[in-house]
N, C-alpha and C. Protein backbone atom coordinates (compact mmCIF):
# COMPACT_ATOMS: atom_id res chain seq x y z
N MET A 1 12.27 -6.34 11.05
CA MET A 1 13.63 -6.15 10.64
C MET A 1 13.96 -4.68 10.53
N SER A 2 13.08 -3.87 9.94
CA SER A 2 13.38 -2.45 9.79
C SER A 2 13.43 -1.76 11.15
N GLY A 3 12.68 -2.28 12.14
CA GLY A 3 12.73 -1.71 13.48
C GLY A 3 14.09 -1.92 14.11
N LEU A 4 14.66 -3.12 13.94
CA LEU A 4 16.00 -3.39 14.47
C LEU A 4 17.05 -2.54 13.77
N LEU A 5 16.88 -2.39 12.45
CA LEU A 5 17.82 -1.56 11.69
C LEU A 5 17.75 -0.12 12.16
N PHE A 6 16.55 0.37 12.43
CA PHE A 6 16.39 1.74 12.92
C PHE A 6 17.09 1.92 14.27
N ILE A 7 16.94 0.94 15.16
CA ILE A 7 17.58 1.02 16.48
C ILE A 7 19.10 1.01 16.32
N TRP A 8 19.60 0.15 15.42
CA TRP A 8 21.04 0.10 15.18
C TRP A 8 21.54 1.43 14.64
N LEU A 9 20.79 2.02 13.68
CA LEU A 9 21.18 3.31 13.12
C LEU A 9 21.18 4.40 14.19
N LEU A 10 20.20 4.37 15.08
CA LEU A 10 20.13 5.35 16.15
C LEU A 10 21.32 5.20 17.10
N GLN A 11 21.67 3.96 17.42
CA GLN A 11 22.82 3.72 18.28
C GLN A 11 24.11 4.22 17.62
N MET A 12 24.23 3.96 16.30
CA MET A 12 25.42 4.44 15.59
C MET A 12 25.49 5.96 15.62
N ARG A 13 24.36 6.61 15.46
CA ARG A 13 24.31 8.07 15.47
C ARG A 13 24.72 8.61 16.84
N LEU A 14 24.23 7.95 17.90
CA LEU A 14 24.60 8.39 19.25
C LEU A 14 26.09 8.20 19.50
N ARG A 15 26.64 7.09 19.00
CA ARG A 15 28.08 6.87 19.16
C ARG A 15 28.88 7.93 18.42
N LEU A 16 28.43 8.26 17.20
CA LEU A 16 29.13 9.27 16.42
C LEU A 16 29.08 10.63 17.10
N SER A 17 27.94 10.96 17.68
CA SER A 17 27.81 12.28 18.30
C SER A 17 28.59 12.37 19.61
N SER A 18 28.84 11.22 20.25
CA SER A 18 29.57 11.26 21.52
C SER A 18 31.08 11.09 21.32
N CYS A 19 31.51 10.79 20.09
CA CYS A 19 32.94 10.65 19.82
C CYS A 19 33.61 12.01 19.85
N ARG A 20 34.81 12.00 20.33
CA ARG A 20 35.60 13.22 20.29
C ARG A 20 36.43 13.17 19.02
N LEU A 21 36.30 14.15 18.21
CA LEU A 21 37.00 14.19 16.94
C LEU A 21 38.38 14.77 17.15
N VAL A 22 39.37 13.99 16.80
CA VAL A 22 40.75 14.47 16.86
C VAL A 22 41.00 15.24 15.58
N ALA A 23 41.56 16.40 15.70
CA ALA A 23 41.79 17.25 14.53
C ALA A 23 42.97 16.73 13.73
N SER A 24 42.75 15.59 13.10
CA SER A 24 43.79 15.03 12.24
C SER A 24 43.11 14.50 10.99
N PRO A 25 43.85 14.37 9.90
CA PRO A 25 43.26 13.83 8.67
C PRO A 25 42.70 12.42 8.87
N GLU A 26 43.36 11.61 9.70
CA GLU A 26 42.89 10.25 9.95
C GLU A 26 41.56 10.26 10.69
N GLY A 27 41.41 11.12 11.68
CA GLY A 27 40.17 11.23 12.43
C GLY A 27 39.02 11.69 11.56
N LEU A 28 39.28 12.64 10.68
CA LEU A 28 38.24 13.11 9.75
C LEU A 28 37.84 12.01 8.78
N ARG A 29 38.81 11.24 8.30
CA ARG A 29 38.53 10.17 7.35
C ARG A 29 37.67 9.08 8.00
N VAL A 30 37.95 8.72 9.24
CA VAL A 30 37.17 7.70 9.94
C VAL A 30 35.73 8.17 10.13
N LYS A 31 35.55 9.42 10.55
CA LYS A 31 34.19 9.93 10.75
C LYS A 31 33.45 9.99 9.42
N SER A 32 34.13 10.38 8.36
CA SER A 32 33.52 10.43 7.04
C SER A 32 33.08 9.04 6.59
N GLN A 33 33.91 8.04 6.84
CA GLN A 33 33.56 6.67 6.46
C GLN A 33 32.37 6.16 7.27
N LEU A 34 32.33 6.50 8.55
CA LEU A 34 31.20 6.08 9.39
C LEU A 34 29.90 6.75 8.93
N LEU A 35 29.97 8.02 8.59
CA LEU A 35 28.78 8.71 8.10
C LEU A 35 28.31 8.12 6.77
N THR A 36 29.25 7.77 5.90
CA THR A 36 28.89 7.14 4.63
C THR A 36 28.23 5.79 4.88
N LEU A 37 28.77 5.01 5.80
CA LEU A 37 28.17 3.72 6.15
C LEU A 37 26.77 3.90 6.71
N LEU A 38 26.60 4.87 7.58
CA LEU A 38 25.29 5.15 8.17
C LEU A 38 24.29 5.55 7.10
N ARG A 39 24.70 6.42 6.21
CA ARG A 39 23.84 6.88 5.13
C ARG A 39 23.46 5.71 4.22
N SER A 40 24.42 4.85 3.89
CA SER A 40 24.15 3.69 3.03
C SER A 40 23.16 2.73 3.69
N ALA A 41 23.32 2.49 4.97
CA ALA A 41 22.40 1.60 5.69
C ALA A 41 20.99 2.17 5.70
N LEU A 42 20.87 3.48 5.86
CA LEU A 42 19.55 4.11 5.85
C LEU A 42 18.90 3.97 4.48
N TYR A 43 19.65 4.23 3.40
CA TYR A 43 19.10 4.09 2.05
C TYR A 43 18.71 2.64 1.76
N LEU A 44 19.52 1.71 2.22
CA LEU A 44 19.21 0.30 2.02
C LEU A 44 17.91 -0.08 2.73
N SER A 45 17.72 0.40 3.95
CA SER A 45 16.49 0.07 4.68
C SER A 45 15.27 0.67 3.99
N LEU A 46 15.40 1.87 3.46
CA LEU A 46 14.28 2.48 2.74
C LEU A 46 13.97 1.71 1.47
N PHE A 47 15.01 1.25 0.77
CA PHE A 47 14.81 0.48 -0.45
C PHE A 47 14.13 -0.85 -0.16
N VAL A 48 14.60 -1.54 0.87
CA VAL A 48 14.06 -2.86 1.21
C VAL A 48 12.60 -2.76 1.63
N THR A 49 12.27 -1.80 2.47
CA THR A 49 10.88 -1.69 2.92
C THR A 49 9.98 -1.20 1.80
N GLY A 50 10.48 -0.37 0.91
CA GLY A 50 9.67 0.10 -0.21
C GLY A 50 9.45 -0.97 -1.26
N ALA A 51 10.41 -1.89 -1.40
CA ALA A 51 10.30 -2.93 -2.42
C ALA A 51 9.34 -4.03 -1.99
N CYS A 52 9.00 -4.11 -0.75
CA CYS A 52 8.13 -5.17 -0.24
C CYS A 52 6.69 -4.66 -0.15
N ALA A 53 6.08 -4.44 -1.30
CA ALA A 53 4.70 -3.98 -1.30
C ALA A 53 3.82 -5.07 -0.72
N THR A 54 3.00 -4.74 0.24
CA THR A 54 2.16 -5.75 0.89
C THR A 54 0.69 -5.45 0.72
N THR A 55 0.35 -4.63 -0.26
CA THR A 55 -1.05 -4.28 -0.47
C THR A 55 -1.41 -4.34 -1.95
N HIS A 56 -2.70 -4.47 -2.19
CA HIS A 56 -3.27 -4.36 -3.53
C HIS A 56 -4.27 -3.20 -3.49
N ASN A 57 -4.29 -2.40 -4.54
CA ASN A 57 -5.23 -1.29 -4.64
C ASN A 57 -6.33 -1.64 -5.63
N LEU A 58 -7.54 -1.25 -5.31
CA LEU A 58 -8.68 -1.42 -6.22
C LEU A 58 -9.37 -0.07 -6.34
N THR A 59 -9.41 0.45 -7.57
CA THR A 59 -10.14 1.69 -7.83
C THR A 59 -11.50 1.30 -8.41
N VAL A 60 -12.56 1.77 -7.77
CA VAL A 60 -13.92 1.46 -8.21
C VAL A 60 -14.51 2.72 -8.84
N HIS A 61 -14.85 2.62 -10.12
CA HIS A 61 -15.45 3.73 -10.86
C HIS A 61 -16.94 3.43 -11.06
N SER A 62 -17.68 4.45 -11.44
CA SER A 62 -19.07 4.24 -11.85
C SER A 62 -19.28 4.97 -13.17
N ASP A 63 -20.20 4.44 -13.96
CA ASP A 63 -20.55 5.07 -15.24
C ASP A 63 -22.06 5.20 -15.29
N PRO A 64 -22.59 6.41 -15.15
CA PRO A 64 -21.89 7.69 -15.02
C PRO A 64 -21.25 7.85 -13.63
N GLU A 65 -20.26 8.75 -13.57
CA GLU A 65 -19.53 9.02 -12.33
C GLU A 65 -20.47 9.52 -11.23
N GLY A 66 -20.04 9.33 -9.98
CA GLY A 66 -20.75 9.92 -8.86
C GLY A 66 -21.75 9.04 -8.15
N ALA A 67 -21.86 7.77 -8.54
CA ALA A 67 -22.78 6.87 -7.82
C ALA A 67 -22.29 6.70 -6.39
N THR A 68 -23.23 6.52 -5.47
CA THR A 68 -22.87 6.25 -4.07
C THR A 68 -22.53 4.77 -3.96
N LEU A 69 -21.34 4.48 -3.42
CA LEU A 69 -20.88 3.10 -3.32
C LEU A 69 -20.99 2.61 -1.88
N THR A 70 -21.48 1.38 -1.74
CA THR A 70 -21.56 0.72 -0.43
C THR A 70 -21.07 -0.71 -0.58
N THR A 71 -20.64 -1.30 0.54
CA THR A 71 -20.20 -2.70 0.49
C THR A 71 -21.41 -3.61 0.62
N VAL A 72 -21.41 -4.68 -0.16
CA VAL A 72 -22.49 -5.65 -0.13
C VAL A 72 -22.38 -6.44 1.18
N GLY A 73 -23.50 -6.64 1.83
CA GLY A 73 -23.52 -7.42 3.07
C GLY A 73 -23.46 -6.56 4.31
N THR A 74 -22.55 -5.59 4.34
CA THR A 74 -22.44 -4.74 5.53
C THR A 74 -23.09 -3.39 5.33
N GLY A 75 -23.26 -2.98 4.08
CA GLY A 75 -23.85 -1.67 3.80
C GLY A 75 -22.94 -0.52 4.15
N GLY A 76 -21.65 -0.80 4.36
CA GLY A 76 -20.70 0.25 4.71
C GLY A 76 -20.59 1.28 3.60
N ASP A 77 -20.73 2.55 3.95
CA ASP A 77 -20.68 3.64 2.97
C ASP A 77 -19.25 3.91 2.55
N LEU A 78 -18.98 3.80 1.25
CA LEU A 78 -17.65 4.07 0.71
C LEU A 78 -17.55 5.47 0.11
N GLY A 79 -18.70 6.12 -0.07
CA GLY A 79 -18.70 7.46 -0.65
C GLY A 79 -18.99 7.43 -2.14
N PRO A 80 -18.90 8.59 -2.77
CA PRO A 80 -19.18 8.66 -4.21
C PRO A 80 -18.01 8.13 -5.04
N ALA A 81 -18.34 7.49 -6.15
CA ALA A 81 -17.31 6.97 -7.05
C ALA A 81 -16.62 8.12 -7.76
N PRO A 82 -15.35 7.97 -8.03
CA PRO A 82 -14.51 6.80 -7.82
C PRO A 82 -13.94 6.75 -6.40
N VAL A 83 -13.66 5.53 -5.92
CA VAL A 83 -13.02 5.34 -4.62
C VAL A 83 -11.83 4.40 -4.78
N LEU A 84 -10.86 4.57 -3.90
CA LEU A 84 -9.68 3.70 -3.88
C LEU A 84 -9.75 2.84 -2.63
N LEU A 85 -9.74 1.53 -2.82
CA LEU A 85 -9.74 0.59 -1.70
C LEU A 85 -8.38 -0.09 -1.64
N VAL A 86 -7.87 -0.28 -0.43
CA VAL A 86 -6.56 -0.91 -0.24
C VAL A 86 -6.75 -2.19 0.55
N PHE A 87 -6.21 -3.29 0.02
CA PHE A 87 -6.33 -4.60 0.66
C PHE A 87 -4.95 -5.11 1.03
N ASP A 88 -4.83 -5.67 2.22
CA ASP A 88 -3.59 -6.27 2.69
C ASP A 88 -3.41 -7.64 2.04
N ASP A 89 -2.19 -7.96 1.62
CA ASP A 89 -1.92 -9.24 0.98
C ASP A 89 -2.37 -10.43 1.83
N SER A 90 -2.13 -10.36 3.13
CA SER A 90 -2.48 -11.48 4.00
C SER A 90 -3.99 -11.72 4.01
N ASP A 91 -4.78 -10.65 3.91
CA ASP A 91 -6.23 -10.81 3.85
C ASP A 91 -6.66 -11.40 2.51
N LEU A 92 -5.98 -11.01 1.44
CA LEU A 92 -6.35 -11.49 0.11
C LEU A 92 -6.03 -12.96 -0.09
N GLU A 93 -4.96 -13.43 0.51
CA GLU A 93 -4.56 -14.83 0.32
C GLU A 93 -5.68 -15.79 0.70
N ALA A 94 -6.45 -15.45 1.71
CA ALA A 94 -7.55 -16.32 2.15
C ALA A 94 -8.67 -16.38 1.11
N SER A 95 -8.72 -15.39 0.21
CA SER A 95 -9.80 -15.34 -0.77
C SER A 95 -9.35 -15.77 -2.17
N ARG A 96 -8.16 -16.34 -2.28
CA ARG A 96 -7.65 -16.74 -3.60
C ARG A 96 -8.45 -17.94 -4.12
N GLY A 97 -8.94 -17.83 -5.35
CA GLY A 97 -9.70 -18.90 -5.97
C GLY A 97 -8.80 -19.92 -6.64
N ASP A 98 -9.41 -20.99 -7.17
CA ASP A 98 -8.65 -22.03 -7.86
C ASP A 98 -7.95 -21.50 -9.11
N ASP A 99 -8.51 -20.44 -9.70
CA ASP A 99 -7.91 -19.86 -10.91
C ASP A 99 -6.76 -18.90 -10.59
N GLY A 100 -6.47 -18.70 -9.30
CA GLY A 100 -5.36 -17.83 -8.91
C GLY A 100 -5.74 -16.39 -8.64
N SER A 101 -6.97 -16.01 -8.98
CA SER A 101 -7.37 -14.62 -8.75
C SER A 101 -7.97 -14.48 -7.35
N TYR A 102 -7.89 -13.27 -6.83
CA TYR A 102 -8.48 -12.98 -5.52
C TYR A 102 -9.94 -12.59 -5.72
N ARG A 103 -10.73 -12.76 -4.66
CA ARG A 103 -12.12 -12.33 -4.69
C ARG A 103 -12.37 -11.52 -3.43
N VAL A 104 -12.89 -10.30 -3.64
CA VAL A 104 -13.15 -9.42 -2.50
C VAL A 104 -14.64 -9.14 -2.41
N ARG A 105 -15.06 -8.69 -1.24
CA ARG A 105 -16.48 -8.40 -0.98
C ARG A 105 -17.02 -7.46 -2.05
N GLY A 106 -18.25 -7.72 -2.43
CA GLY A 106 -18.88 -6.95 -3.50
C GLY A 106 -19.21 -5.52 -3.13
N ILE A 107 -19.52 -4.75 -4.17
CA ILE A 107 -19.86 -3.34 -4.01
C ILE A 107 -21.14 -3.05 -4.78
N GLU A 108 -21.97 -2.23 -4.15
CA GLU A 108 -23.21 -1.78 -4.79
C GLU A 108 -23.06 -0.31 -5.14
N ALA A 109 -23.46 0.03 -6.38
CA ALA A 109 -23.46 1.43 -6.82
C ALA A 109 -24.91 1.86 -6.97
N ARG A 110 -25.23 3.01 -6.37
CA ARG A 110 -26.60 3.54 -6.45
C ARG A 110 -26.54 4.98 -6.95
N TRP A 111 -27.25 5.23 -8.06
CA TRP A 111 -27.29 6.57 -8.64
C TRP A 111 -28.50 7.33 -8.14
N GLN A 112 -28.49 8.65 -8.29
CA GLN A 112 -29.62 9.48 -7.85
C GLN A 112 -30.90 9.12 -8.59
N SER A 113 -30.79 8.58 -9.79
CA SER A 113 -31.97 8.19 -10.56
C SER A 113 -32.66 6.97 -9.95
N GLY A 114 -31.98 6.29 -9.01
CA GLY A 114 -32.53 5.08 -8.41
C GLY A 114 -31.95 3.82 -9.02
N ALA A 115 -31.19 3.96 -10.10
CA ALA A 115 -30.56 2.80 -10.74
C ALA A 115 -29.52 2.20 -9.80
N VAL A 116 -29.40 0.87 -9.87
CA VAL A 116 -28.47 0.15 -8.99
C VAL A 116 -27.70 -0.88 -9.81
N ASP A 117 -26.42 -1.02 -9.51
CA ASP A 117 -25.60 -2.09 -10.09
C ASP A 117 -24.81 -2.71 -8.95
N ILE A 118 -24.72 -4.04 -8.97
CA ILE A 118 -23.99 -4.76 -7.92
C ILE A 118 -22.97 -5.68 -8.58
N MET A 119 -21.76 -5.68 -8.05
CA MET A 119 -20.73 -6.61 -8.48
C MET A 119 -20.29 -7.37 -7.22
N ASP A 120 -20.65 -8.66 -7.14
CA ASP A 120 -20.36 -9.43 -5.94
C ASP A 120 -20.12 -10.89 -6.30
N PRO A 121 -18.98 -11.44 -5.98
CA PRO A 121 -17.78 -10.78 -5.48
C PRO A 121 -17.05 -10.07 -6.61
N ILE A 122 -16.04 -9.31 -6.26
CA ILE A 122 -15.22 -8.63 -7.26
C ILE A 122 -13.95 -9.45 -7.45
N PRO A 123 -13.74 -9.97 -8.67
CA PRO A 123 -12.51 -10.73 -8.91
C PRO A 123 -11.34 -9.79 -9.19
N LEU A 124 -10.22 -10.06 -8.57
CA LEU A 124 -8.99 -9.32 -8.86
C LEU A 124 -8.08 -10.28 -9.61
N CYS A 125 -8.21 -10.26 -10.93
CA CYS A 125 -7.42 -11.15 -11.78
C CYS A 125 -5.97 -10.67 -11.81
N HIS A 126 -5.09 -11.53 -12.25
CA HIS A 126 -3.66 -11.22 -12.32
C HIS A 126 -3.16 -10.81 -10.94
N ALA A 127 -3.12 -11.77 -10.05
CA ALA A 127 -2.75 -11.50 -8.65
C ALA A 127 -1.38 -10.88 -8.50
N ASP A 128 -0.54 -10.97 -9.55
CA ASP A 128 0.79 -10.36 -9.46
C ASP A 128 0.73 -8.85 -9.65
N GLN A 129 -0.38 -8.34 -10.17
CA GLN A 129 -0.55 -6.89 -10.29
C GLN A 129 -0.85 -6.30 -8.92
N ARG A 130 -0.51 -5.04 -8.73
CA ARG A 130 -0.77 -4.37 -7.45
C ARG A 130 -1.92 -3.38 -7.55
N HIS A 131 -2.33 -3.03 -8.77
CA HIS A 131 -3.43 -2.07 -8.91
C HIS A 131 -4.48 -2.66 -9.85
N HIS A 132 -5.73 -2.62 -9.41
CA HIS A 132 -6.85 -3.17 -10.17
C HIS A 132 -7.92 -2.08 -10.29
N GLU A 133 -8.72 -2.16 -11.36
CA GLU A 133 -9.81 -1.20 -11.56
C GLU A 133 -11.05 -1.94 -12.03
N VAL A 134 -12.20 -1.51 -11.53
CA VAL A 134 -13.49 -2.01 -12.00
C VAL A 134 -14.43 -0.82 -12.17
N THR A 135 -15.41 -0.99 -13.05
CA THR A 135 -16.41 0.05 -13.28
C THR A 135 -17.79 -0.57 -13.16
N LEU A 136 -18.62 0.01 -12.29
CA LEU A 136 -20.02 -0.39 -12.18
C LEU A 136 -20.82 0.55 -13.09
N GLU A 137 -21.70 -0.03 -13.90
CA GLU A 137 -22.43 0.77 -14.88
C GLU A 137 -23.92 0.81 -14.56
N SER A 138 -24.48 1.98 -14.77
CA SER A 138 -25.91 2.16 -14.55
C SER A 138 -26.68 1.42 -15.63
N PRO A 139 -27.66 0.58 -15.24
CA PRO A 139 -28.47 -0.11 -16.24
C PRO A 139 -29.37 0.85 -17.02
N VAL A 140 -29.64 2.02 -16.45
CA VAL A 140 -30.47 3.02 -17.12
C VAL A 140 -29.57 4.20 -17.45
N TRP A 141 -29.10 4.27 -18.66
CA TRP A 141 -28.16 5.35 -19.00
C TRP A 141 -28.36 5.82 -20.38
């Protein structure tokens, strides 16, 4: 939808730029109204696309900070904690449990001391929230 709106706005802009402005108060008023309409449509499209959040964020912390994080099962390196993971709503819907919360692939935290903590799967409770946080804790601290 926003792509069609963008094309329409572009066409309107091209029409406005190709119009010959008659030096009369009526001609100025019409162009002003068209520019106001164009501006309003642009703001509306930005509002609509911004209001449709389609992702959930998960911030993974470690205690103590700085553990190396990897995904359980694939061993994908996520880097040192804390990390921000972004999940698409359509991917999360497939993992919704009977209790309404989402479940995402687990994460392993490994500290330089050799201590390890694993959370698998990670429940994202309150599915209506868009930001979630979890903390993996070192068993030796």
